[in-house]
C-alpha atoms as a PDB file:
ATOM      1  CA  MET A   1       6.448  -1.200  37.073  1.00  0.00           C
ATOM      2  CA  MET A   2       5.926  -4.253  34.882  1.00  0.00           C
ATOM      3  CA  HIS A   3       5.447  -3.941  31.124  1.00  0.00           C
ATOM      4  CA  ASP A   4       3.428  -6.378  29.069  1.00  0.00           C
ATOM      5  CA  ILE A   5       6.014  -6.153  26.289  1.00  0.00           C
ATOM      6  CA  TYR A   6       5.725  -7.708  22.860  1.00  0.00           C
ATOM      7  CA  SER A   7       7.763 -10.863  23.492  1.00  0.00           C
ATOM      8  CA  LYS A   8       5.562 -11.759  26.462  1.00  0.00           C
ATOM      9  CA  ARG A   9       2.343 -11.305  24.503  1.00  0.00           C
ATOM     10  CA  GLU A  10       3.741 -13.190  21.542  1.00  0.00           C
ATOM     11  CA  GLU A  11       4.692 -16.131  23.736  1.00  0.00           C
ATOM     12  CA  ARG A  12       1.049 -16.350  24.834  1.00  0.00           C
ATOM     13  CA  ASN A  13      -0.263 -15.981  21.300  1.00  0.00           C
ATOM     14  CA  LYS A  14       2.000 -18.526  19.609  1.00  0.00           C
ATOM     15  CA  ARG A  15      -0.052 -21.421  20.958  1.00  0.00           C
ATOM     16  CA  LYS A  16      -3.258 -19.934  19.562  1.00  0.00           C
ATOM     17  CA  ARG A  17      -2.264 -19.470  15.929  1.00  0.00           C
ATOM     18  CA  GLY A  18      -2.405 -22.025  13.176  1.00  0.00           C
ATOM     19  CA  GLU A  19       0.284 -21.858  10.512  1.00  0.00           C
ATOM     20  CA  LEU A  20      -0.708 -20.733   7.010  1.00  0.00           C
ATOM     21  CA  PRO A  21       1.400 -19.231   4.219  1.00  0.00           C
ATOM     22  CA  ASP A  22       1.639 -15.462   4.314  1.00  0.00           C
ATOM     23  CA  ILE A  23       2.872 -12.553   2.222  1.00  0.00           C
ATOM     24  CA  TYR A  24       4.848 -11.226   5.181  1.00  0.00           C
ATOM     25  CA  GLN A  25       7.593 -12.836   7.225  1.00  0.00           C
ATOM     26  CA  TYR A  26       7.606 -12.555  11.002  1.00  0.00           C
ATOM     27  CA  ASP A  27      10.815 -14.161  12.254  1.00  0.00           C
ATOM     28  CA  GLU A  28      13.533 -11.751  11.139  1.00  0.00           C
ATOM     29  CA  ILE A  29      14.118  -8.015  11.350  1.00  0.00           C
ATOM     30  CA  PRO A  30      16.567  -7.086   8.545  1.00  0.00           C
ATOM     31  CA  LYS A  31      19.440  -4.772   9.443  1.00  0.00           C
ATOM     32  CA  PRO A  32      18.227  -1.868   7.240  1.00  0.00           C
ATOM     33  CA  LEU A  33      14.867  -1.959   9.014  1.00  0.00           C
ATOM     34  CA  ARG A  34      16.622  -1.998  12.403  1.00  0.00           C
ATOM     35  CA  VAL A  35      18.617   1.087  11.424  1.00  0.00           C
ATOM     36  CA  GLN A  36      15.529   2.859  10.080  1.00  0.00           C
ATOM     37  CA  SER A  37      13.666   2.073  13.306  1.00  0.00           C
ATOM     38  CA  LEU A  38      16.512   3.454  15.421  1.00  0.00           C
ATOM     39  CA  LEU A  39      16.530   6.688  13.441  1.00  0.00           C
ATOM     40  CA  ILE A  40      12.787   7.022  14.021  1.00  0.00           C
ATOM     41  CA  ILE A  41      13.247   6.311  17.744  1.00  0.00           C
ATOM     42  CA  GLU A  42      15.994   8.941  17.939  1.00  0.00           C
ATOM     43  CA  GLU A  43      13.736  11.449  16.210  1.00  0.00           C
ATOM     44  CA  ASN A  44      10.924  10.642  18.638  1.00  0.00           C
ATOM     45  CA  ILE A  45      13.227  11.178  21.630  1.00  0.00           C
ATOM     46  CA  GLU A  46      14.205  14.570  20.225  1.00  0.00           C
ATOM     47  CA  ASN A  47      10.520  15.444  19.802  1.00  0.00           C
ATOM     48  CA  VAL A  48       9.828  14.562  23.439  1.00  0.00           C
ATOM     49  CA  SER A  49      12.836  16.565  24.606  1.00  0.00           C
ATOM     50  CA  ASN A  50      11.717  19.559  22.549  1.00  0.00           C
ATOM     51  CA  ASN A  51       8.222  19.392  24.009  1.00  0.00           C
ATOM     52  CA  VAL A  52       9.433  19.104  27.598  1.00  0.00           C
ATOM     53  CA  SER A  53      12.086  21.823  27.276  1.00  0.00           C
ATOM     54  CA  GLU A  54       9.804  24.186  25.360  1.00  0.00           C
ATOM     55  CA  GLY A  55      11.316  24.097  21.920  1.00  0.00           C
ATOM     56  CA  HIS A  56      14.951  23.104  22.278  1.00  0.00           C
ATOM     57  CA  ASN A  57      16.545  19.679  22.516  1.00  0.00           C
ATOM     58  CA  ASP A  58      17.948  19.247  26.042  1.00  0.00           C
ATOM     59  CA  PRO A  59      20.606  16.460  26.177  1.00  0.00           C
ATOM     60  CA  THR A  60      19.868  15.898  29.866  1.00  0.00           C
ATOM     61  CA  ILE A  61      16.210  15.191  29.154  1.00  0.00           C
ATOM     62  CA  SER A  62      17.131  12.982  26.191  1.00  0.00           C
ATOM     63  CA  TYR A  63      19.535  11.058  28.429  1.00  0.00           C
ATOM     64  CA  LEU A  64      16.857  10.509  31.080  1.00  0.00           C
ATOM     65  CA  ILE A  65      14.424   9.241  28.440  1.00  0.00           C
ATOM     66  CA  VAL A  66      16.902   6.695  27.067  1.00  0.00           C
ATOM     67  CA  LYS A  67      17.916   5.666  30.592  1.00  0.00           C
ATOM     68  CA  GLN A  68      14.302   4.932  31.517  1.00  0.00           C
ATOM     69  CA  ILE A  69      13.797   2.940  28.313  1.00  0.00           C
ATOM     70  CA  HIS A  70      17.006   1.009  29.036  1.00  0.00           C
ATOM     71  CA  ASP A  71      16.087   0.384  32.679  1.00  0.00           C
ATOM     72  CA  ALA A  72      12.572  -0.787  31.794  1.00  0.00           C
ATOM     73  CA  LEU A  73      13.934  -3.337  29.310  1.00  0.00           C
ATOM     74  CA  CYS A  74      16.636  -4.534  31.734  1.00  0.00           C
ATOM     75  CA  ARG A  75      14.022  -5.086  34.418  1.00  0.00           C
ATOM     76  CA  GLU A  76      11.856  -7.147  32.074  1.00  0.00           C
ATOM     77  CA  TYR A  77      14.802  -9.245  30.878  1.00  0.00           C
ATOM     78  CA  GLY A  78      16.333  -9.636  34.339  1.00  0.00           C
ATOM     79  CA  VAL A  79      19.714  -8.174  33.379  1.00  0.00           C
ATOM     80  CA  LEU A  80      21.780  -5.246  34.633  1.00  0.00           C
ATOM     81  CA  SER A  81      22.699  -3.937  31.196  1.00  0.00           C
ATOM     82  CA  LEU A  82      21.598  -4.576  27.614  1.00  0.00           C
ATOM     83  CA  THR A  83      25.177  -4.804  26.331  1.00  0.00           C
ATOM     84  CA  GLY A  84      27.301  -4.997  29.487  1.00  0.00           C
ATOM     85  CA  LYS A  85      28.630  -1.459  29.090  1.00  0.00           C
ATOM     86  CA  LYS A  86      28.204   1.593  31.294  1.00  0.00           C
ATOM     87  CA  TYR A  87      27.011   4.950  30.016  1.00  0.00           C
ATOM     88  CA  PHE A  88      27.083   8.463  31.463  1.00  0.00           C
ATOM     89  CA  ASN A  89      25.489  10.721  28.860  1.00  0.00           C
ATOM     90  CA  TYR A  90      22.910  10.676  26.083  1.00  0.00           C
ATOM     91  CA  GLU A  91      25.312   9.729  23.297  1.00  0.00           C
ATOM     92  CA  GLN A  92      26.633   6.743  25.248  1.00  0.00           C
ATOM     93  CA  ALA A  93      23.156   5.678  26.393  1.00  0.00           C
ATOM     94  CA  PHE A  94      21.638   5.826  22.933  1.00  0.00           C
ATOM     95  CA  GLY A  95      24.757   4.142  21.547  1.00  0.00           C
ATOM     96  CA  GLU A  96      24.109   1.176  23.836  1.00  0.00           C
ATOM     97  CA  LEU A  97      20.537   0.988  22.558  1.00  0.00           C
ATOM     98  CA  VAL A  98      21.850   1.070  18.983  1.00  0.00           C
ATOM     99  CA  ASN A  99      24.404  -1.674  19.641  1.00  0.00           C
ATOM    100  CA  PHE A 100      21.764  -3.859  21.261  1.00  0.00           C
ATOM    101  CA  VAL A 101      19.249  -3.472  18.425  1.00  0.00           C
ATOM    102  CA  ILE A 102      21.842  -4.097  15.699  1.00  0.00           C
ATOM    103  CA  ALA A 103      23.433  -7.145  17.352  1.00  0.00           C
ATOM    104  CA  GLU A 104      20.449  -8.808  19.057  1.00  0.00           C
ATOM    105  CA  GLU A 105      19.613 -12.196  17.506  1.00  0.00           C
ATOM    106  CA  ASN A 106      16.182 -12.480  19.122  1.00  0.00           C
ATOM    107  CA  TYR A 107      13.922 -10.522  16.760  1.00  0.00           C
ATOM    108  CA  GLU A 108      11.205 -10.288  19.421  1.00  0.00           C
ATOM    109  CA  ARG A 109      13.533  -8.277  21.656  1.00  0.00           C
ATOM    110  CA  VAL A 110      14.227  -5.897  18.790  1.00  0.00           C
ATOM    111  CA  LEU A 111      10.471  -5.386  18.558  1.00  0.00           C
ATOM    112  CA  ASP A 112      10.408  -4.822  22.321  1.00  0.00           C
ATOM    113  CA  VAL A 113      12.861  -1.932  21.966  1.00  0.00           C
ATOM    114  CA  ILE A 114      10.846  -0.338  19.168  1.00  0.00           C
ATOM    115  CA  GLU A 115       7.575  -0.710  21.049  1.00  0.00           C
ATOM    116  CA  ILE A 116       8.717   0.553  24.420  1.00  0.00           C
ATOM    117  CA  SER A 117      10.805   3.376  22.913  1.00  0.00           C
ATOM    118  CA  LEU A 118       7.844   4.773  21.004  1.00  0.00           C
ATOM    119  CA  GLY A 119       5.300   4.063  23.713  1.00  0.00           C
ATOM    120  CA  TYR A 120       7.145   5.080  26.875  1.00  0.00           C
ATOM    121  CA  TYR A 121       6.624   8.763  26.151  1.00  0.00           C
ATOM    122  CA  LYS A 122       3.709   9.867  24.032  1.00  0.00           C
ATOM    123  CA  PRO A 123       4.064  13.471  22.892  1.00  0.00           C
ATOM    124  CA  VAL A 124       1.259  14.794  20.763  1.00  0.00           C
ATOM    125  CA  GLY A 125       1.670  16.488  17.438  1.00  0.00           C
ATOM    126  CA  ARG A 126       2.154  15.879  13.766  1.00  0.00           C
ATOM    127  CA  LYS A 127       5.822  14.918  14.062  1.00  0.00           C
ATOM    128  CA  THR A 128       5.040  11.924  16.264  1.00  0.00           C
ATOM    129  CA  ALA A 129       2.173  10.799  14.032  1.00  0.00           C
ATOM    130  CA  ASP A 130       4.432  11.116  10.990  1.00  0.00           C
ATOM    131  CA  SER A 131       7.159   9.068  12.703  1.00  0.00           C
ATOM    132  CA  ILE A 132       4.746   6.250  13.493  1.00  0.00           C
ATOM    133  CA  ALA A 133       3.325   6.336   9.970  1.00  0.00           C
ATOM    134  CA  GLU A 134       6.866   6.125   8.598  1.00  0.00           C
ATOM    135  CA  LEU A 135       7.702   3.195  10.878  1.00  0.00           C
ATOM    136  CA  ASN A 136       4.652   1.273   9.665  1.00  0.00           C
ATOM    137  CA  ASP A 137       5.539   2.065   6.056  1.00  0.00           C
ATOM    138  CA  ARG A 138       9.098   0.818   6.658  1.00  0.00           C
ATOM    139  CA  PHE A 139       7.808  -2.478   8.056  1.00  0.00           C
ATOM    140  CA  LYS A 140       5.477  -2.893   5.088  1.00  0.00           C
ATOM    141  CA  GLU A 141       8.221  -2.005   2.604  1.00  0.00           C
ATOM    142  CA  ALA A 142      10.565  -4.582   4.151  1.00  0.00           C
ATOM    143  CA  GLY A 143       7.897  -7.291   4.015  1.00  0.00           C
ATOM    144  CA  VAL A 144       7.966  -7.679   7.797  1.00  0.00           C
ATOM    145  CA  GLY A 145       4.490  -8.337   9.150  1.00  0.00           C
ATOM    146  CA  TYR A 146       4.229  -5.953  12.083  1.00  0.00           C
ATOM    147  CA  GLN A 147       2.645  -2.559  12.696  1.00  0.00           C
ATOM    148  CA  TYR A 148       2.721  -0.098  15.576  1.00  0.00           C
ATOM    149  CA  GLU A 149      -0.866   0.557  16.633  1.00  0.00           C
ATOM    150  CA  SER A 150      -2.329   2.088  19.798  1.00  0.00           C
ATOM    151  CA  GLY A 151       1.006   1.954  21.602  1.00  0.00           C
ATOM    152  CA  GLN A 152       1.789  -1.673  20.771  1.00  0.00           C
ATOM    153  CA  ILE A 153       3.545  -3.720  18.122  1.00  0.00           C
ATOM    154  CA  VAL A 154       0.987  -6.083  16.568  1.00  0.00           C
ATOM    155  CA  ARG A 155       1.255  -8.795  13.949  1.00  0.00           C
ATOM    156  CA  ILE A 156      -0.552  -8.051  10.717  1.00  0.00           C
ATOM    157  CA  ASP A 157      -1.977 -11.564  10.701  1.00  0.00           C
ATOM    158  CA  SER A 158      -3.753 -10.770  13.969  1.00  0.00           C
ATOM    159  CA  GLN A 159      -5.916  -8.282  12.093  1.00  0.00           C
ATOM    160  CA  TYR A 160      -9.298  -9.765  11.274  1.00  0.00           C
ATOM    161  CA  ILE A 161      -9.381  -9.303   7.498  1.00  0.00           C
ATOM    162  CA  HIS A 162      -5.812 -10.485   7.030  1.00  0.00           C
ATOM    163  CA  ALA A 163      -6.329 -13.527   9.248  1.00  0.00           C
ATOM    164  CA  ASN A 164      -9.700 -14.499   7.795  1.00  0.00           C
ATOM    165  CA  ALA A 165      -9.300 -13.572   4.122  1.00  0.00           C
ATOM    166  CA  VAL A 166      -5.713 -13.034   2.965  1.00  0.00           C
ATOM    167  CA  LYS A 167      -4.025 -15.950   4.741  1.00  0.00           C
ATOM    168  CA  PRO A 168      -6.762 -18.499   3.941  1.00  0.00           C
ATOM    169  CA  ALA A 169      -6.701 -17.318   0.304  1.00  0.00           C
ATOM    170  CA  LEU A 170      -2.947 -17.908   0.189  1.00  0.00           C
ATOM    171  CA  GLY A 171      -3.502 -21.339   1.706  1.00  0.00           C
ATOM    172  CA  LEU A 172      -6.001 -22.171  -1.021  1.00  0.00           C
ATOM    173  CA  LEU A 173      -3.688 -20.857  -3.746  1.00  0.00           C
ATOM    174  CA  ALA A 174      -0.856 -23.083  -2.522  1.00  0.00           C
ATOM    175  CA  ASP A 175      -2.474 -25.818  -4.628  1.00  0.00           C
ATOM    176  CA  LYS A 176      -0.332 -26.408  -7.752  1.00  0.00           C
ATOM    177  CA  LYS A 177      -3.267 -25.869 -10.090  1.00  0.00           C
ATOM    178  CA  TYR A 178      -3.467 -22.266  -8.898  1.00  0.00           C
ATOM    179  CA  ASP A 179       0.208 -21.437  -9.506  1.00  0.00           C
ATOM    180  CA  SER A 180      -0.467 -18.575 -11.913  1.00  0.00           C
ATOM    181  CA  VAL A 181      -3.195 -17.154  -9.679  1.00  0.00           C
ATOM    182  CA  ASN A 182      -0.870 -17.320  -6.700  1.00  0.00           C
ATOM    183  CA  GLN A 183       1.962 -15.548  -8.526  1.00  0.00           C
ATOM    184  CA  GLU A 184      -0.324 -12.714  -9.607  1.00  0.00           C
ATOM    185  CA  PHE A 185      -1.907 -12.346  -6.171  1.00  0.00           C
ATOM    186  CA  LEU A 186       1.520 -12.220  -4.524  1.00  0.00           C
ATOM    187  CA  ALA A 187       2.660  -9.698  -7.134  1.00  0.00           C
ATOM    188  CA  ALA A 188      -0.329  -7.514  -6.228  1.00  0.00           C
ATOM    189  CA  HIS A 189       0.785  -7.549  -2.598  1.00  0.00           C
ATOM    190  CA  GLU A 190       4.387  -6.835  -3.568  1.00  0.00           C
ATOM    191  CA  HIS A 191       3.273  -3.770  -5.515  1.00  0.00           C
ATOM    192  CA  TYR A 192       1.073  -2.688  -2.613  1.00  0.00           C
ATOM    193  CA  ARG A 193       3.940  -2.921  -0.119  1.00  0.00           C
ATOM    194  CA  HIS A 194       5.994  -0.583  -2.295  1.00  0.00           C
ATOM    195  CA  LYS A 195       3.059   1.812  -2.839  1.00  0.00           C
ATOM    196  CA  ARG A 196       2.693   0.922  -6.515  1.00  0.00           C
ATOM    197  CA  TYR A 197      -1.065   0.975  -6.153  1.00  0.00           C
ATOM    198  CA  GLU A 198      -1.997   1.054  -9.832  1.00  0.00           C
ATOM    199  CA  GLU A 199       0.114  -2.025 -10.549  1.00  0.00           C
ATOM    200  CA  SER A 200      -1.341  -3.689  -7.452  1.00  0.00           C
ATOM    201  CA  ILE A 201      -4.913  -3.231  -8.684  1.00  0.00           C
ATOM    202  CA  ASN A 202      -3.963  -4.496 -12.145  1.00  0.00           C
ATOM    203  CA  ASP A 203      -2.507  -7.684 -10.661  1.00  0.00           C
ATOM    204  CA  CYS A 204      -5.602  -8.135  -8.491  1.00  0.00           C
ATOM    205  CA  LEU A 205      -7.682  -8.309 -11.649  1.00  0.00           C
ATOM    206  CA  LYS A 206      -5.186 -10.670 -13.295  1.00  0.00           C
ATOM    207  CA  SER A 207      -5.336 -13.054 -10.333  1.00  0.00           C
ATOM    208  CA  PHE A 208      -9.134 -12.849 -10.270  1.00  0.00           C
ATOM    209  CA  GLU A 209      -9.436 -13.617 -13.989  1.00  0.00           C
ATOM    210  CA  SER A 210      -6.830 -16.398 -13.767  1.00  0.00           C
ATOM    211  CA  LEU A 211      -8.779 -18.032 -10.951  1.00  0.00           C
ATOM    212  CA  LEU A 212     -12.006 -17.944 -12.966  1.00  0.00           C
ATOM    213  CA  LYS A 213     -10.239 -19.432 -16.019  1.00  0.00           C
ATOM    214  CA  THR A 214      -8.611 -22.147 -13.916  1.00  0.00           C
ATOM    215  CA  ILE A 215     -11.981 -23.116 -12.445  1.00  0.00           C
ATOM    216  CA  CYS A 216     -13.586 -23.181 -15.900  1.00  0.00           C
ATOM    217  CA  LEU A 217     -10.817 -25.369 -17.336  1.00  0.00           C
ATOM    218  CA  GLU A 218     -10.872 -27.725 -14.363  1.00  0.00           C
ATOM    219  CA  LYS A 219     -14.646 -28.089 -14.631  1.00  0.00           C
ATOM    220  CA  GLY A 220     -14.568 -28.472 -18.418  1.00  0.00           C
ATOM    221  CA  TRP A 221     -16.572 -25.291 -18.969  1.00  0.00           C
ATOM    222  CA  ASP A 222     -15.980 -23.596 -22.304  1.00  0.00           C
ATOM    223  CA  CYS A 223     -14.147 -20.289 -22.042  1.00  0.00           C
ATOM    224  CA  GLY A 224     -11.841 -18.295 -24.265  1.00  0.00           C
ATOM    225  CA  GLU A 225      -8.210 -17.473 -23.549  1.00  0.00           C
ATOM    226  CA  HIS A 226      -8.937 -13.767 -23.737  1.00  0.00           C
ATOM    227  CA  ASP A 227     -12.307 -13.744 -21.967  1.00  0.00           C
ATOM    228  CA  THR A 228     -12.759 -10.797 -19.629  1.00  0.00           C
ATOM    229  CA  ALA A 229     -13.754 -10.987 -15.983  1.00  0.00           C
ATOM    230  CA  LYS A 230     -17.329 -10.025 -16.855  1.00  0.00           C
ATOM    231  CA  LYS A 231     -17.747 -12.932 -19.282  1.00  0.00           C
ATOM    232  CA  LEU A 232     -16.000 -15.407 -16.978  1.00  0.00           C
ATOM    233  CA  ILE A 233     -18.297 -14.399 -14.128  1.00  0.00           C
ATOM    234  CA  GLN A 234     -21.312 -15.113 -16.336  1.00  0.00           C
ATOM    235  CA  ILE A 235     -19.926 -18.561 -17.185  1.00  0.00           C
ATOM    236  CA  VAL A 236     -19.335 -19.702 -13.603  1.00  0.00           C
ATOM    237  CA  LEU A 237     -22.681 -18.348 -12.452  1.00  0.00           C
ATOM    238  CA  SER A 238     -24.547 -19.986 -15.334  1.00  0.00           C
ATOM    239  CA  LYS A 239     -22.860 -23.303 -14.504  1.00  0.00           C
ATOM    240  CA  GLY A 240     -24.061 -23.185 -10.908  1.00  0.00           C
ATOM    241  CA  LEU A 241     -20.751 -22.642  -9.170  1.00  0.00           C
ATOM    242  CA  ILE A 242     -22.750 -20.892  -6.488  1.00  0.00           C
ATOM    243  CA  PRO A 243     -25.067 -23.394  -4.715  1.00  0.00           C
ATOM    244  CA  THR A 244     -28.625 -23.460  -6.016  1.00  0.00           C
ATOM    245  CA  PHE A 245     -30.081 -22.703  -2.578  1.00  0.00           C
ATOM    246  CA  MET A 246     -28.497 -19.270  -2.974  1.00  0.00           C
ATOM    247  CA  GLU A 247     -30.551 -18.595  -6.095  1.00  0.00           C
ATOM    248  CA  ASN A 248     -32.240 -15.583  -4.513  1.00  0.00           C
ATOM    249  CA  GLN A 249     -28.820 -14.071  -3.898  1.00  0.00           C
ATOM    250  CA  LEU A 250     -27.408 -14.721  -7.384  1.00  0.00           C
ATOM    251  CA  ASN A 251     -28.146 -11.244  -8.688  1.00  0.00           C
ATOM    252  CA  THR A 252     -26.533  -9.679  -5.639  1.00  0.00           C
ATOM    253  CA  MET A 253     -23.543 -12.009  -5.976  1.00  0.00           C
ATOM    254  CA  GLN A 254     -23.205 -11.194  -9.666  1.00  0.00           C
ATOM    255  CA  THR A 255     -23.191  -7.483  -8.841  1.00  0.00           C
ATOM    256  CA  LEU A 256     -20.534  -8.044  -6.187  1.00  0.00           C
ATOM    257  CA  LEU A 257     -18.273 -10.052  -8.486  1.00  0.00           C
ATOM    258  CA  GLY A 258     -18.964  -7.939 -11.540  1.00  0.00           C
ATOM    259  CA  SER A 259     -18.577  -4.488 -10.032  1.00  0.00           C
ATOM    260  CA  GLY A 260     -16.139  -5.104  -7.200  1.00  0.00           C
ATOM    261  CA  VAL A 261     -12.633  -5.903  -8.377  1.00  0.00           C
ATOM    262  CA  PRO A 262     -13.069  -5.370 -12.147  1.00  0.00           C
ATOM    263  CA  THR A 263     -14.824  -2.009 -11.852  1.00  0.00           C
ATOM    264  CA  ALA A 264     -12.359  -0.668  -9.291  1.00  0.00           C
ATOM    265  CA  ARG A 265      -9.574  -1.626 -11.653  1.00  0.00           C
ATOM    266  CA  ASN A 266     -11.260  -0.251 -14.769  1.00  0.00           C
ATOM    267  CA  LYS A 267     -12.119   3.093 -13.212  1.00  0.00           C
ATOM    268  CA  LEU A 268      -8.838   3.643 -11.405  1.00  0.00           C
ATOM    269  CA  SER A 269      -6.080   2.039 -13.407  1.00  0.00           C
ATOM    270  CA  GLY A 270      -7.336   0.133 -16.407  1.00  0.00           C
ATOM    271  CA  HIS A 271      -7.311   3.008 -18.894  1.00  0.00           C
ATOM    272  CA  GLY A 272      -4.903   5.703 -20.008  1.00  0.00           C
ATOM    273  CA  GLN A 273      -4.349   8.606 -17.667  1.00  0.00           C
ATOM    274  CA  GLY A 274      -4.824  11.220 -20.380  1.00  0.00           C
ATOM    275  CA  THR A 275      -3.819  14.699 -19.228  1.00  0.00           C
ATOM    276  CA  GLU A 276      -4.742  14.124 -15.587  1.00  0.00           C
ATOM    277  CA  ILE A 277      -2.251  12.473 -13.238  1.00  0.00           C
ATOM    278  CA  ARG A 278      -4.139   9.909 -11.192  1.00  0.00           C
ATOM    279  CA  GLU A 279      -3.341   9.240  -7.537  1.00  0.00           C
ATOM    280  CA  ILE A 280      -4.765   5.980  -6.197  1.00  0.00           C
ATOM    281  CA  PRO A 281      -5.103   6.214  -2.398  1.00  0.00           C
ATOM    282  CA  ASP A 282      -3.775   3.532  -0.080  1.00  0.00           C
ATOM    283  CA  TYR A 283      -7.210   2.750   1.328  1.00  0.00           C
ATOM    284  CA  MET A 284      -8.578   1.975  -2.155  1.00  0.00           C
ATOM    285  CA  ALA A 285      -5.691  -0.343  -3.033  1.00  0.00           C
ATOM    286  CA  SER A 286      -6.074  -2.055   0.348  1.00  0.00           C
ATOM    287  CA  TYR A 287      -9.808  -2.482  -0.216  1.00  0.00           C
ATOM    288  CA  VAL A 288      -9.263  -4.046  -3.653  1.00  0.00           C
ATOM    289  CA  LEU A 289      -6.639  -6.427  -2.243  1.00  0.00           C
ATOM    290  CA  HIS A 290      -8.929  -7.610   0.535  1.00  0.00           C
ATOM    291  CA  LEU A 291     -11.916  -7.863  -1.792  1.00  0.00           C
ATOM    292  CA  THR A 292      -9.805  -9.948  -4.160  1.00  0.00           C
ATOM    293  CA  ALA A 293      -8.720 -12.234  -1.307  1.00  0.00           C
ATOM    294  CA  SER A 294     -12.309 -12.732  -0.161  1.00  0.00           C
ATOM    295  CA  THR A 295     -13.478 -13.433  -3.714  1.00  0.00           C
ATOM    296  CA  ILE A 296     -10.650 -15.911  -4.309  1.00  0.00           C
ATOM    297  CA  LEU A 297     -11.632 -17.695  -1.122  1.00  0.00           C
ATOM    298  CA  LEU A 298     -15.312 -17.793  -2.067  1.00  0.00           C
ATOM    299  CA  LEU A 299     -14.782 -19.093  -5.606  1.00  0.00           C
ATOM    300  CA  GLY A 300     -11.976 -21.481  -4.705  1.00  0.00           C
ATOM    301  CA  ASN A 301     -13.958 -23.079  -1.910  1.00  0.00           C
ATOM    302  CA  ALA A 302     -17.069 -23.286  -4.096  1.00  0.00           C
ATOM    303  CA  ALA A 303     -15.055 -24.964  -6.867  1.00  0.00           C
ATOM    304  CA  SER A 304     -13.689 -27.571  -4.470  1.00  0.00           C
ATOM    305  CA  GLN A 305     -17.150 -28.775  -3.437  1.00  0.00           C
END
């Protein structure tokens, strides 16, 4: 049986992608992340063994699982062994997998092991879902731009919003005049990766306001050092930053800019918590990040015309 493993798909996709700056790196899997991934794989194998053997971990079943993972990878790579060593039980078999993942210089093959190990057997249940969620969190935390979705490892920059909003926004912010905006936008992503969602939303607003101020200064439009997002939005709209043929949409655009990023920030993280501990959900922080990226792209492109 042939497997359309990650390294094969990536080889096909490399020719299709243009290169833009990104908040994630894609060409290295740090050792701590490799170890964390192996621990998750080991846990997943135990879950499968428990399911098959009705509640107890059977070393024979675990051995057969690792052997099939090993054999599938060897067949795809055209080798007899991943490390050149023989194995006769689960501990030895999994040890070979560990040695391969830790020592392998080709990061794509490390991703192959993770993908095929988690996808070869698909037990149902909360433990498996939690393991996959943890793996994706570990990738995000390490700043490595991959996720495990629907049985495959995928690049984050292959996701539509990331590819069409975040990366182009970073490309625009690479201009020296946007240095402060870029630093704040990257800081927002850094906070997001480490689940500091309140700080992430705060830095989204900072980057948004810095962009508006930079545009005003570059255009010679009068604005104050401490002007808020609401006032800055009024300035750029009154100066016609948005093309005049969009006049009918100005009110809608003003609502979008005025109540999108700033309001999310003000309502969720811009004021004191008082006696209630506030939990900002991941999906809200992600939404604000992507909205900020789209708004940066819109205003930056409009300012360059």
